[in-house]
Each structure stands twice: as C-alpha cells, then as structure tokens.
Amino acid sequence: MIDLKLEIKVDQFNACMNEMASRLQGSATKKEIIRSEVQSILQKTINSVKVGSVAKIVASQAGTQWTTMAGKKYKLSNRYPDALWGVIKATREKDMAIRIASIGWGARAWYELALLLGLTLTAKEASTAVEPGRDAAAYVKAAVEDAGNVYKIQVTNNSRLQTWIGGAAAFFSAIAGRVGFFNQNLKHGVFNDMKQVAAKYPGIEVNSD
C-alpha cells in the first residue's frame, strides 16, 4: 500500500535538498548535503522507535503464570520434581537472555540501512541487538545514483516489526522534521551566512572561503 502522505513529504524533502544545494553551490556538494540529511533522518528514526528494556522483560516474565516447554504447558505456581523444575527454570532463564539480547531488534533494520549507505549512527541497543536465526540486513535495501549534479538515495525497509515499533511513523516524522528545520533556517536567513550554515548543519562541511 502506497502512503501518499509519506510520498508528499518525501517530495517536499527533495525540493528542500535541491534548494539547499542551489544556495550552497560552491560551498557544499549535493552529495554531501543529501548524505548528511539522510543520516540525520535515520538517526532521528532510530531515536524515536519503540525499544524494550531489561526492566520490562523481567517484569513480564515475573508476571507470567504459565510457560511452555517442548510443546507442553506448565503452571508455574505448581510444584514439580526438582529435576523437571530445574529444566523449566533453565529454559526460562535462556528465554529471558534471548529476549534481553534482542532489545532494539526492531530498530536494527534502520541501523543496517545506515551501514549499507556508509553512514555513521549512534544506535545504542540497535547496534548490538540479535535475534536467533535472523539477519536484519536482509530486510533493507538501498540504491544510490551518483552522476554529475545528480545524487539520489532510495531506501527500503521491509521489516514487519515496523508496525509494532512505530517505524514508519518515526521515519515520516524525521523527514517532516528536517523539512521544517530547513524552512525555518531559510526564513531566518541562515543560508546568507556560511558560518551559520556550518553551525546549523554540522554534518555538512561548508567551505566559507
């Protein structure tokens, strides 16, 4: 399903990039500008998506009355032979360790997307999150067109977890935020002073000579 609101916002973002490149011509390249802005968008997206916590996982397991092992359900308030209870306890501990290790897994796809583009992000849990038998890099794609004055980046994130962690909304909001940031800077004359540009956009190396 095509998200028309996202397409409109992307079109606005593209227009902003072209306008910024035009105003910074000779001071920064379109490639530098776009890569810096995409990095900011992905950073904001990762910072905004829902991420679990150790405390929530521990609390969730503590509040569970049943557990399933080898296809059989066990009520945890029941008494079991020591050997069986030891296996149940070890299984639950292993499950908790796996869940804790996967904290940030939903955001991991955005982190892998940044790596694919050669961008550096502060990803915290997303940079170390693991899920047994899964590779987050398999969910993302990136296509780059770099020819003369044309520089385009097209990204795809097919991770189904985005619905649960608010990934699409976070990405949309990040794009909207950068569009708003550009328009405010344009309104306040930031692009008339390269020192102000460098201060507002630290990811872009502006030649102020």
C-alpha atoms as a PDB file:
ATOM      1  CA  MET A   1       0.000   0.000   0.000  1.00  0.00           C
ATOM      2  CA  ILE A   2       1.371   3.398  -1.011  1.00  0.00           C
ATOM      3  CA  ASP A   3       1.474   6.033   1.726  1.00  0.00           C
ATOM      4  CA  LEU A   4       0.568   9.227  -0.132  1.00  0.00           C
ATOM      5  CA  LYS A   5       1.357  11.445   2.865  1.00  0.00           C
ATOM      6  CA  LEU A   6       4.859   9.989   3.018  1.00  0.00           C
ATOM      7  CA  GLU A   7       5.306  10.451  -0.735  1.00  0.00           C
ATOM      8  CA  ILE A   8       4.258  14.103  -0.435  1.00  0.00           C
ATOM      9  CA  LYS A   9       6.668  14.644   2.453  1.00  0.00           C
ATOM     10  CA  VAL A  10       9.490  12.960   0.511  1.00  0.00           C
ATOM     11  CA  ASP A  11       8.744  15.249  -2.437  1.00  0.00           C
ATOM     12  CA  GLN A  12       8.955  18.236  -0.098  1.00  0.00           C
ATOM     13  CA  PHE A  13      12.231  16.920   1.284  1.00  0.00           C
ATOM     14  CA  ASN A  14      13.631  16.503  -2.237  1.00  0.00           C
ATOM     15  CA  ALA A  15      12.636  20.077  -3.043  1.00  0.00           C
ATOM     16  CA  CYS A  16      14.417  21.266   0.099  1.00  0.00           C
ATOM     17  CA  MET A  17      17.566  19.361  -0.878  1.00  0.00           C
ATOM     18  CA  ASN A  18      17.570  20.948  -4.332  1.00  0.00           C
ATOM     19  CA  GLU A  19      17.046  24.403  -2.837  1.00  0.00           C
ATOM     20  CA  MET A  20      19.799  23.873  -0.266  1.00  0.00           C
ATOM     21  CA  ALA A  21      22.199  22.607  -2.938  1.00  0.00           C
ATOM     22  CA  SER A  22      21.422  25.663  -5.042  1.00  0.00           C
ATOM     23  CA  ARG A  23      22.086  28.053  -2.160  1.00  0.00           C
ATOM     24  CA  LEU A  24      25.259  26.266  -1.073  1.00  0.00           C
ATOM     25  CA  GLN A  25      26.630  25.774  -4.575  1.00  0.00           C
ATOM     26  CA  GLY A  26      30.396  26.123  -4.420  1.00  0.00           C
ATOM     27  CA  SER A  27      30.354  25.692  -0.657  1.00  0.00           C
ATOM     28  CA  ALA A  28      28.948  22.156  -0.377  1.00  0.00           C
ATOM     29  CA  THR A  29      28.025  19.485  -2.904  1.00  0.00           C
ATOM     30  CA  LYS A  30      24.578  17.994  -3.336  1.00  0.00           C
ATOM     31  CA  LYS A  31      26.022  14.612  -2.368  1.00  0.00           C
ATOM     32  CA  GLU A  32      27.351  15.967   0.941  1.00  0.00           C
ATOM     33  CA  ILE A  33      24.067  17.691   1.682  1.00  0.00           C
ATOM     34  CA  ILE A  34      21.833  14.701   0.936  1.00  0.00           C
ATOM     35  CA  ARG A  35      24.014  12.191   2.769  1.00  0.00           C
ATOM     36  CA  SER A  36      24.137  14.433   5.825  1.00  0.00           C
ATOM     37  CA  GLU A  37      20.365  14.892   5.829  1.00  0.00           C
ATOM     38  CA  VAL A  38      19.637  11.195   5.305  1.00  0.00           C
ATOM     39  CA  GLN A  39      21.986  10.429   8.200  1.00  0.00           C
ATOM     40  CA  SER A  40      20.033  12.881  10.380  1.00  0.00           C
ATOM     41  CA  ILE A  41      16.737  11.265   9.331  1.00  0.00           C
ATOM     42  CA  LEU A  42      17.919   7.737  10.130  1.00  0.00           C
ATOM     43  CA  GLN A  43      19.409   8.891  13.440  1.00  0.00           C
ATOM     44  CA  LYS A  44      16.127  10.525  14.437  1.00  0.00           C
ATOM     45  CA  THR A  45      14.191   7.430  13.329  1.00  0.00           C
ATOM     46  CA  ILE A  46      16.293   5.113  15.489  1.00  0.00           C
ATOM     47  CA  ASN A  47      15.981   7.506  18.429  1.00  0.00           C
ATOM     48  CA  SER A  48      12.181   7.583  18.060  1.00  0.00           C
ATOM     49  CA  VAL A  49      11.124   3.968  17.531  1.00  0.00           C
ATOM     50  CA  LYS A  50       9.832   1.951  20.477  1.00  0.00           C
ATOM     51  CA  VAL A  51      12.531  -0.082  22.213  1.00  0.00           C
ATOM     52  CA  GLY A  52      12.066  -2.558  25.046  1.00  0.00           C
ATOM     53  CA  SER A  53      14.007  -2.590  28.299  1.00  0.00           C
ATOM     54  CA  VAL A  54      15.500  -5.139  30.649  1.00  0.00           C
ATOM     55  CA  ALA A  55      13.133  -3.997  33.402  1.00  0.00           C
ATOM     56  CA  LYS A  56      10.056  -4.568  31.230  1.00  0.00           C
ATOM     57  CA  ILE A  57      11.242  -8.010  30.141  1.00  0.00           C
ATOM     58  CA  VAL A  58      11.967  -9.068  33.723  1.00  0.00           C
ATOM     59  CA  ALA A  59       8.596  -7.738  34.876  1.00  0.00           C
ATOM     60  CA  SER A  60       6.813  -9.505  32.034  1.00  0.00           C
ATOM     61  CA  GLN A  61       8.364 -12.849  32.857  1.00  0.00           C
ATOM     62  CA  ALA A  62       7.739 -12.391  36.582  1.00  0.00           C
ATOM     63  CA  GLY A  63       4.053 -11.787  35.874  1.00  0.00           C
ATOM     64  CA  THR A  64       3.693 -14.898  33.711  1.00  0.00           C
ATOM     65  CA  GLN A  65       1.710 -17.739  35.282  1.00  0.00           C
ATOM     66  CA  TRP A  66       2.355 -20.322  32.579  1.00  0.00           C
ATOM     67  CA  THR A  67       5.302 -21.413  30.467  1.00  0.00           C
ATOM     68  CA  THR A  68       5.539 -23.749  27.503  1.00  0.00           C
ATOM     69  CA  MET A  69       8.349 -26.244  27.076  1.00  0.00           C
ATOM     70  CA  ALA A  70       8.598 -28.907  24.362  1.00  0.00           C
ATOM     71  CA  GLY A  71       5.017 -28.167  23.384  1.00  0.00           C
ATOM     72  CA  LYS A  72       3.659 -28.728  26.885  1.00  0.00           C
ATOM     73  CA  LYS A  73       2.308 -26.011  29.201  1.00  0.00           C
ATOM     74  CA  TYR A  74       3.341 -25.794  32.853  1.00  0.00           C
ATOM     75  CA  LYS A  75       1.680 -23.681  35.532  1.00  0.00           C
ATOM     76  CA  LEU A  76       4.493 -22.021  37.437  1.00  0.00           C
ATOM     77  CA  SER A  77       2.665 -21.983  40.762  1.00  0.00           C
ATOM     78  CA  ASN A  78       2.541 -25.804  40.788  1.00  0.00           C
ATOM     79  CA  ARG A  79       5.146 -27.965  42.489  1.00  0.00           C
ATOM     80  CA  TYR A  80       7.280 -30.165  40.210  1.00  0.00           C
ATOM     81  CA  PRO A  81      10.060 -32.706  40.785  1.00  0.00           C
ATOM     82  CA  ASP A  82      13.404 -30.959  41.318  1.00  0.00           C
ATOM     83  CA  ALA A  83      14.840 -32.254  38.023  1.00  0.00           C
ATOM     84  CA  LEU A  84      11.858 -31.006  35.983  1.00  0.00           C
ATOM     85  CA  TRP A  85      11.769 -27.677  37.813  1.00  0.00           C
ATOM     86  CA  GLY A  86      15.477 -27.251  37.111  1.00  0.00           C
ATOM     87  CA  VAL A  87      14.854 -27.692  33.381  1.00  0.00           C
ATOM     88  CA  ILE A  88      11.893 -25.285  33.464  1.00  0.00           C
ATOM     89  CA  LYS A  89      13.960 -22.693  35.327  1.00  0.00           C
ATOM     90  CA  ALA A  90      16.932 -23.042  32.940  1.00  0.00           C
ATOM     91  CA  THR A  91      14.631 -22.767  29.926  1.00  0.00           C
ATOM     92  CA  ARG A  92      13.045 -19.583  31.275  1.00  0.00           C
ATOM     93  CA  GLU A  93      16.453 -18.083  32.025  1.00  0.00           C
ATOM     94  CA  LYS A  94      17.607 -18.869  28.486  1.00  0.00           C
ATOM     95  CA  ASP A  95      14.426 -17.329  27.060  1.00  0.00           C
ATOM     96  CA  MET A  96      14.974 -14.176  29.110  1.00  0.00           C
ATOM     97  CA  ALA A  97      18.592 -13.910  27.957  1.00  0.00           C
ATOM     98  CA  ILE A  98      17.476 -14.182  24.315  1.00  0.00           C
ATOM     99  CA  ARG A  99      14.794 -11.525  24.815  1.00  0.00           C
ATOM    100  CA  ILE A 100      17.258  -9.163  26.503  1.00  0.00           C
ATOM    101  CA  ALA A 101      19.801  -9.694  23.718  1.00  0.00           C
ATOM    102  CA  SER A 102      17.123  -8.790  21.169  1.00  0.00           C
ATOM    103  CA  ILE A 103      16.342  -5.391  22.735  1.00  0.00           C
ATOM    104  CA  GLY A 104      16.461  -2.890  19.877  1.00  0.00           C
ATOM    105  CA  TRP A 105      15.962  -5.568  17.206  1.00  0.00           C
ATOM    106  CA  GLY A 106      13.152  -3.643  15.518  1.00  0.00           C
ATOM    107  CA  ALA A 107      15.427  -0.624  15.123  1.00  0.00           C
ATOM    108  CA  ARG A 108      18.304  -2.822  13.949  1.00  0.00           C
ATOM    109  CA  ALA A 109      16.995  -2.708  10.360  1.00  0.00           C
ATOM    110  CA  TRP A 110      17.377   1.091  10.314  1.00  0.00           C
ATOM    111  CA  TYR A 111      20.908   0.710  11.662  1.00  0.00           C
ATOM    112  CA  GLU A 112      21.724  -1.834   8.936  1.00  0.00           C
ATOM    113  CA  LEU A 113      20.332   0.590   6.368  1.00  0.00           C
ATOM    114  CA  ALA A 114      22.740   3.261   7.579  1.00  0.00           C
ATOM    115  CA  LEU A 115      25.641   0.788   7.377  1.00  0.00           C
ATOM    116  CA  LEU A 116      24.597  -0.114   3.839  1.00  0.00           C
ATOM    117  CA  LEU A 117      24.874   3.563   2.914  1.00  0.00           C
ATOM    118  CA  GLY A 118      28.159   4.015   4.748  1.00  0.00           C
ATOM    119  CA  LEU A 119      26.601   6.376   7.305  1.00  0.00           C
ATOM    120  CA  THR A 120      27.519   6.519  10.982  1.00  0.00           C
ATOM    121  CA  LEU A 121      24.796   6.466  13.637  1.00  0.00           C
ATOM    122  CA  THR A 122      24.631   6.312  17.411  1.00  0.00           C
ATOM    123  CA  ALA A 123      22.385   3.274  17.608  1.00  0.00           C
ATOM    124  CA  LYS A 124      22.785   2.049  21.211  1.00  0.00           C
ATOM    125  CA  GLU A 125      20.783  -1.213  21.585  1.00  0.00           C
ATOM    126  CA  ALA A 126      20.070  -1.425  17.856  1.00  0.00           C
ATOM    127  CA  SER A 127      23.762  -1.823  17.048  1.00  0.00           C
ATOM    128  CA  THR A 128      24.110  -4.934  19.211  1.00  0.00           C
ATOM    129  CA  ALA A 129      20.608  -6.456  19.082  1.00  0.00           C
ATOM    130  CA  VAL A 130      20.486 -10.058  17.874  1.00  0.00           C
ATOM    131  CA  GLU A 131      17.639 -12.432  17.072  1.00  0.00           C
ATOM    132  CA  PRO A 132      18.445 -16.150  16.670  1.00  0.00           C
ATOM    133  CA  GLY A 133      18.383 -17.226  13.025  1.00  0.00           C
ATOM    134  CA  ARG A 134      17.632 -13.760  11.647  1.00  0.00           C
ATOM    135  CA  ASP A 135      19.671 -11.134   9.829  1.00  0.00           C
ATOM    136  CA  ALA A 136      18.282  -7.583   9.940  1.00  0.00           C
ATOM    137  CA  ALA A 137      20.351  -6.642   6.887  1.00  0.00           C
ATOM    138  CA  ALA A 138      18.120  -8.927   4.804  1.00  0.00           C
ATOM    139  CA  TYR A 139      15.159  -6.583   5.362  1.00  0.00           C
ATOM    140  CA  VAL A 140      16.738  -3.453   3.913  1.00  0.00           C
ATOM    141  CA  LYS A 141      17.853  -2.234   0.505  1.00  0.00           C
ATOM    142  CA  ALA A 142      19.491   0.948  -0.724  1.00  0.00           C
ATOM    143  CA  ALA A 143      20.076   2.272  -4.223  1.00  0.00           C
ATOM    144  CA  VAL A 144      22.337   5.239  -4.907  1.00  0.00           C
ATOM    145  CA  GLU A 145      22.555   7.244  -8.118  1.00  0.00           C
ATOM    146  CA  ASP A 146      25.629   9.447  -8.336  1.00  0.00           C
ATOM    147  CA  ALA A 147      26.166  11.101 -11.724  1.00  0.00           C
ATOM    148  CA  GLY A 148      27.343  14.653 -12.205  1.00  0.00           C
ATOM    149  CA  ASN A 149      24.985  17.011 -10.388  1.00  0.00           C
ATOM    150  CA  VAL A 150      22.510  14.192  -9.748  1.00  0.00           C
ATOM    151  CA  TYR A 151      22.651  12.394  -6.419  1.00  0.00           C
ATOM    152  CA  LYS A 152      19.760  10.222  -5.261  1.00  0.00           C
ATOM    153  CA  ILE A 153      19.268   7.730  -2.451  1.00  0.00           C
ATOM    154  CA  GLN A 154      16.369   5.273  -2.452  1.00  0.00           C
ATOM    155  CA  VAL A 155      15.852   3.168   0.656  1.00  0.00           C
ATOM    156  CA  THR A 156      13.597   0.221   1.559  1.00  0.00           C
ATOM    157  CA  ASN A 157      12.858  -1.322   4.944  1.00  0.00           C
ATOM    158  CA  ASN A 158      10.697  -4.454   4.741  1.00  0.00           C
ATOM    159  CA  SER A 159      10.934  -5.423   8.404  1.00  0.00           C
ATOM    160  CA  ARG A 160       7.429  -6.378   9.594  1.00  0.00           C
ATOM    161  CA  LEU A 161       8.321  -5.210  13.087  1.00  0.00           C
ATOM    162  CA  GLN A 162       7.987  -1.581  11.958  1.00  0.00           C
ATOM    163  CA  THR A 163       4.238  -1.780  12.575  1.00  0.00           C
ATOM    164  CA  TRP A 164       4.816  -2.674  16.223  1.00  0.00           C
ATOM    165  CA  ILE A 165       7.626  -0.235  16.968  1.00  0.00           C
ATOM    166  CA  GLY A 166       6.185   2.726  15.062  1.00  0.00           C
ATOM    167  CA  GLY A 167       8.975   2.654  12.484  1.00  0.00           C
ATOM    168  CA  ALA A 168       7.036   4.178   9.599  1.00  0.00           C
ATOM    169  CA  ALA A 169       5.690   6.983  11.783  1.00  0.00           C
ATOM    170  CA  ALA A 170       9.182   7.673  13.161  1.00  0.00           C
ATOM    171  CA  PHE A 171      10.651   7.811   9.645  1.00  0.00           C
ATOM    172  CA  PHE A 172       7.832  10.088   8.431  1.00  0.00           C
ATOM    173  CA  SER A 173       8.271  12.371  11.443  1.00  0.00           C
ATOM    174  CA  ALA A 174      12.051  12.530  10.918  1.00  0.00           C
ATOM    175  CA  ILE A 175      11.605  13.626   7.296  1.00  0.00           C
ATOM    176  CA  ALA A 176       8.996  16.194   8.289  1.00  0.00           C
ATOM    177  CA  GLY A 177      11.349  17.474  10.972  1.00  0.00           C
ATOM    178  CA  ARG A 178      14.192  18.045   8.533  1.00  0.00           C
ATOM    179  CA  VAL A 179      11.847  19.817   6.089  1.00  0.00           C
ATOM    180  CA  GLY A 180      10.647  22.079   8.892  1.00  0.00           C
ATOM    181  CA  PHE A 181      14.211  22.706  10.047  1.00  0.00           C
ATOM    182  CA  PHE A 182      15.265  23.751   6.557  1.00  0.00           C
ATOM    183  CA  ASN A 183      12.267  26.048   6.089  1.00  0.00           C
ATOM    184  CA  GLN A 184      12.914  27.754   9.438  1.00  0.00           C
ATOM    185  CA  ASN A 185      16.564  28.287   8.578  1.00  0.00           C
ATOM    186  CA  LEU A 186      15.570  29.643   5.183  1.00  0.00           C
ATOM    187  CA  LYS A 187      13.081  32.011   6.831  1.00  0.00           C
ATOM    188  CA  HIS A 188      15.693  33.327   9.262  1.00  0.00           C
ATOM    189  CA  GLY A 189      18.347  33.920   6.603  1.00  0.00           C
ATOM    190  CA  VAL A 190      20.744  31.223   7.810  1.00  0.00           C
ATOM    191  CA  PHE A 191      21.835  30.478   4.237  1.00  0.00           C
ATOM    192  CA  ASN A 192      23.113  34.017   3.816  1.00  0.00           C
ATOM    193  CA  ASP A 193      25.952  33.292   6.238  1.00  0.00           C
ATOM    194  CA  MET A 194      28.161  30.218   5.782  1.00  0.00           C
ATOM    195  CA  LYS A 195      29.193  30.283   9.438  1.00  0.00           C
ATOM    196  CA  GLN A 196      25.546  29.958  10.439  1.00  0.00           C
ATOM    197  CA  VAL A 197      25.098  27.143   7.936  1.00  0.00           C
ATOM    198  CA  ALA A 198      28.080  25.301   9.402  1.00  0.00           C
ATOM    199  CA  ALA A 199      26.643  25.737  12.901  1.00  0.00           C
ATOM    200  CA  LYS A 200      23.149  24.581  11.950  1.00  0.00           C
ATOM    201  CA  TYR A 201      24.296  21.700   9.755  1.00  0.00           C
ATOM    202  CA  PRO A 202      27.413  20.261  11.401  1.00  0.00           C
ATOM    203  CA  GLY A 203      27.211  17.191   9.172  1.00  0.00           C
ATOM    204  CA  ILE A 204      27.960  19.294   6.108  1.00  0.00           C
ATOM    205  CA  GLU A 205      31.478  20.588   5.544  1.00  0.00           C
ATOM    206  CA  VAL A 206      30.843  24.103   4.314  1.00  0.00           C
ATOM    207  CA  ASN A 207      33.617  25.983   2.554  1.00  0.00           C
ATOM    208  CA  SER A 208      33.330  29.525   3.912  1.00  0.00           C
ATOM    209  CA  ASP A 209      36.210  30.995   1.920  1.00  0.00           C
END
